[in-house]
Amino acid sequence: MKRSDDMRGFVVLPKRWIVERFFAHLMRTRRLARDYERRTTSAEVMIYWSMIGLMTRRLARPRPPRR
């Protein structure tokens, strides 16, 4: 997303925060912070592993009761 020239100060760009949050989740898995993998398939598996961990943490989180 490009900023327009008439914007001043900090403005949250739409959709960009979703990508930044995704990259932050991947970087939390230290092995993905650097390019350690020789094959792209093993790097792809590490991304799946990281996202599965994220989903299980979200599913295990207690939810407030509905009214």
C-alpha atoms as a PDB file:
ATOM      1  CA  MET A   1       0.000   0.000   0.000  1.00  0.00           C
ATOM      2  CA  LYS A   2       1.387   3.380  -0.947  1.00  0.00           C
ATOM      3  CA  ARG A   3       0.780   6.505   1.052  1.00  0.00           C
ATOM      4  CA  SER A   4      -0.682   9.489  -0.691  1.00  0.00           C
ATOM      5  CA  ASP A   5       1.370  12.674  -0.611  1.00  0.00           C
ATOM      6  CA  ASP A   6      -1.317  14.741   1.111  1.00  0.00           C
ATOM      7  CA  MET A   7      -1.299  12.606   4.322  1.00  0.00           C
ATOM      8  CA  ARG A   8       0.440  14.055   7.343  1.00  0.00           C
ATOM      9  CA  GLY A   9       1.530  12.192  10.459  1.00  0.00           C
ATOM     10  CA  PHE A  10       0.864   8.570  11.311  1.00  0.00           C
ATOM     11  CA  VAL A  11      -1.994   6.908   9.449  1.00  0.00           C
ATOM     12  CA  VAL A  12      -2.709   3.176   9.601  1.00  0.00           C
ATOM     13  CA  LEU A  13      -2.745   1.802   6.083  1.00  0.00           C
ATOM     14  CA  PRO A  14      -5.499  -0.737   5.361  1.00  0.00           C
ATOM     15  CA  LYS A  15      -4.445  -4.385   5.003  1.00  0.00           C
ATOM     16  CA  ARG A  16      -0.796  -3.653   5.765  1.00  0.00           C
ATOM     17  CA  TRP A  17      -1.168  -4.412   9.480  1.00  0.00           C
ATOM     18  CA  ILE A  18      -2.449  -7.901   8.604  1.00  0.00           C
ATOM     19  CA  VAL A  19       0.753  -8.685   6.706  1.00  0.00           C
ATOM     20  CA  GLU A  20       2.931  -7.166   9.428  1.00  0.00           C
ATOM     21  CA  ARG A  21       1.162  -9.237  12.085  1.00  0.00           C
ATOM     22  CA  PHE A  22       1.665 -12.397  10.005  1.00  0.00           C
ATOM     23  CA  PHE A  23       5.393 -11.709   9.675  1.00  0.00           C
ATOM     24  CA  ALA A  24       5.609 -11.053  13.432  1.00  0.00           C
ATOM     25  CA  HIS A  25       4.065 -14.460  14.130  1.00  0.00           C
ATOM     26  CA  LEU A  26       6.572 -16.102  11.789  1.00  0.00           C
ATOM     27  CA  MET A  27       9.543 -14.291  13.342  1.00  0.00           C
ATOM     28  CA  ARG A  28       8.484 -15.522  16.775  1.00  0.00           C
ATOM     29  CA  THR A  29       9.580 -18.942  15.506  1.00  0.00           C
ATOM     30  CA  ARG A  30      13.320 -18.352  15.725  1.00  0.00           C
ATOM     31  CA  ARG A  31      14.205 -20.838  13.034  1.00  0.00           C
ATOM     32  CA  LEU A  32      12.309 -18.737  10.505  1.00  0.00           C
ATOM     33  CA  ALA A  33      14.120 -15.536  11.483  1.00  0.00           C
ATOM     34  CA  ARG A  34      17.112 -16.571   9.358  1.00  0.00           C
ATOM     35  CA  ASP A  35      17.434 -18.604   6.204  1.00  0.00           C
ATOM     36  CA  TYR A  36      18.705 -21.833   7.786  1.00  0.00           C
ATOM     37  CA  GLU A  37      16.839 -24.277   5.586  1.00  0.00           C
ATOM     38  CA  ARG A  38      18.457 -25.862   2.546  1.00  0.00           C
ATOM     39  CA  ARG A  39      15.202 -26.802   0.866  1.00  0.00           C
ATOM     40  CA  THR A  40      12.102 -24.729   0.399  1.00  0.00           C
ATOM     41  CA  THR A  41       9.938 -27.664   1.497  1.00  0.00           C
ATOM     42  CA  SER A  42      11.496 -27.684   4.971  1.00  0.00           C
ATOM     43  CA  ALA A  43      10.988 -23.909   5.253  1.00  0.00           C
ATOM     44  CA  GLU A  44       7.372 -24.396   4.178  1.00  0.00           C
ATOM     45  CA  VAL A  45       6.906 -27.039   6.884  1.00  0.00           C
ATOM     46  CA  MET A  46       8.299 -24.614   9.465  1.00  0.00           C
ATOM     47  CA  ILE A  47       5.736 -22.012   8.387  1.00  0.00           C
ATOM     48  CA  TYR A  48       2.962 -24.592   8.757  1.00  0.00           C
ATOM     49  CA  TRP A  49       4.329 -25.566  12.170  1.00  0.00           C
ATOM     50  CA  SER A  50       4.392 -21.942  13.296  1.00  0.00           C
ATOM     51  CA  MET A  51       0.829 -21.302  12.118  1.00  0.00           C
ATOM     52  CA  ILE A  52      -0.449 -24.524  13.735  1.00  0.00           C
ATOM     53  CA  GLY A  53       1.060 -23.364  17.028  1.00  0.00           C
ATOM     54  CA  LEU A  54      -0.644 -19.999  16.643  1.00  0.00           C
ATOM     55  CA  MET A  55      -4.020 -21.597  15.890  1.00  0.00           C
ATOM     56  CA  THR A  56      -3.809 -24.014  18.820  1.00  0.00           C
ATOM     57  CA  ARG A  57      -2.986 -21.138  21.197  1.00  0.00           C
ATOM     58  CA  ARG A  58      -5.995 -19.219  19.897  1.00  0.00           C
ATOM     59  CA  LEU A  59      -8.289 -22.237  20.194  1.00  0.00           C
ATOM     60  CA  ALA A  60      -7.104 -23.041  23.723  1.00  0.00           C
ATOM     61  CA  ARG A  61      -7.709 -19.480  24.935  1.00  0.00           C
ATOM     62  CA  PRO A  62     -10.735 -19.287  27.233  1.00  0.00           C
ATOM     63  CA  ARG A  63     -13.580 -17.247  25.826  1.00  0.00           C
ATOM     64  CA  PRO A  64     -15.909 -15.037  27.839  1.00  0.00           C
ATOM     65  CA  PRO A  65     -19.413 -16.468  28.219  1.00  0.00           C
ATOM     66  CA  ARG A  66     -22.030 -15.228  25.763  1.00  0.00           C
ATOM     67  CA  ARG A  67     -25.059 -13.400  27.107  1.00  0.00           C
END
